[in-house]
Amino acid sequence: NNLEAIQYIRNVLSTGDWDAIQMALDCKLIPHLISLLINRTEELRIEATWCLTNIATGSLEQTRAVLEAMPYLIQILSSDVERAS
């Protein structure tokens, strides 16, 4: 199940272990997280966003890798703001 898998990945990334973060990057996780940000349930979007923030806690290079997802995160945040107003 997608939700259980992404929650497991989030838990692994939440340890702050730079090796785990690098492994996720080497496995090209960010494009998969981006796909979860697009047209998915709110719960999957939250988990994907959490994974991205955990990756951003890594080294400078690992943090820079998250920039690829920024346009999607900004779009989500913008649409949430519009719905709230």
Protein backbone atom coordinates (compact mmCIF):
# COMPACT_ATOMS: atom_id res chain seq x y z
CA ASN A 1 0.00 0.00 0.00
CA ASN A 2 1.35 3.45 -0.96
CA LEU A 3 0.56 5.04 2.38
CA GLU A 4 2.32 2.39 4.45
CA ALA A 5 5.35 2.45 2.15
CA ILE A 6 5.74 6.22 2.27
CA GLN A 7 5.25 6.24 6.04
CA TYR A 8 8.04 3.67 6.38
CA ILE A 9 10.32 5.77 4.18
CA ARG A 10 9.47 8.87 6.21
CA ASN A 11 10.38 7.08 9.42
CA VAL A 12 13.73 5.98 7.99
CA LEU A 13 14.49 9.51 6.76
CA SER A 14 13.41 11.07 10.06
CA THR A 15 16.45 9.63 11.84
CA GLY A 16 18.59 12.34 10.23
CA ASP A 17 21.07 9.72 9.04
CA TRP A 18 22.81 11.28 6.05
CA ASP A 19 23.59 7.83 4.64
CA ALA A 20 19.87 6.97 4.62
CA ILE A 21 19.11 10.30 2.97
CA GLN A 22 21.79 9.68 0.35
CA MET A 23 20.43 6.21 -0.32
CA ALA A 24 16.99 7.73 -0.92
CA LEU A 25 18.52 10.24 -3.34
CA ASP A 26 20.54 7.54 -5.10
CA CYS A 27 17.29 5.59 -5.57
CA LYS A 28 15.77 8.67 -7.23
CA LEU A 29 13.15 9.07 -4.51
CA ILE A 30 12.45 12.77 -5.15
CA PRO A 31 10.66 12.22 -8.50
CA HIS A 32 8.48 9.62 -6.79
CA LEU A 33 7.72 12.05 -3.96
CA ILE A 34 6.83 14.70 -6.52
CA SER A 35 4.40 12.26 -8.14
CA LEU A 36 2.75 11.84 -4.73
CA LEU A 37 2.42 15.61 -4.44
CA ILE A 38 0.46 15.71 -7.70
CA ASN A 39 -3.13 14.50 -7.83
CA ARG A 40 -2.92 12.29 -4.74
CA THR A 41 -4.80 12.18 -1.50
CA GLU A 42 -4.04 14.79 1.10
CA GLU A 43 -2.60 12.12 3.36
CA LEU A 44 -0.08 11.03 0.71
CA ARG A 45 0.80 14.67 -0.02
CA ILE A 46 1.49 15.25 3.66
CA GLU A 47 3.71 12.17 3.90
CA ALA A 48 5.61 13.12 0.73
CA THR A 49 6.12 16.65 2.04
CA TRP A 50 7.37 15.27 5.34
CA CYS A 51 9.86 13.05 3.47
CA LEU A 52 11.12 16.07 1.54
CA THR A 53 11.62 18.06 4.73
CA ASN A 54 13.52 15.13 6.24
CA ILE A 55 15.77 15.01 3.17
CA ALA A 56 16.34 18.75 3.52
CA THR A 57 17.89 18.15 6.96
CA GLY A 58 20.84 16.43 5.32
CA SER A 59 24.02 17.89 3.91
CA LEU A 60 24.00 21.03 1.79
CA GLU A 61 24.05 18.93 -1.37
CA GLN A 62 21.19 16.77 -0.10
CA THR A 63 19.20 19.87 0.83
CA ARG A 64 19.74 21.26 -2.67
CA ALA A 65 18.25 18.10 -4.14
CA VAL A 66 14.91 19.07 -2.61
CA LEU A 67 14.80 22.23 -4.74
CA GLU A 68 13.48 20.09 -7.60
CA ALA A 69 10.24 19.68 -5.64
CA MET A 70 9.83 23.32 -4.61
CA PRO A 71 7.49 24.40 -7.46
CA TYR A 72 5.11 21.59 -6.50
CA LEU A 73 5.25 22.46 -2.81
CA ILE A 74 4.62 26.13 -3.59
CA GLN A 75 1.64 25.18 -5.74
CA ILE A 76 0.17 23.07 -2.94
CA LEU A 77 0.70 25.82 -0.38
CA SER A 78 -0.80 28.43 -2.71
CA SER A 79 -3.90 26.36 -3.38
CA ASP A 80 -4.34 25.68 0.36
CA VAL A 81 -4.14 29.42 1.08
CA GLU A 82 -6.71 30.18 -1.64
CA ARG A 83 -9.10 27.55 -0.23
CA ALA A 84 -8.75 28.96 3.28
CA SER A 85 -9.59 32.54 2.26
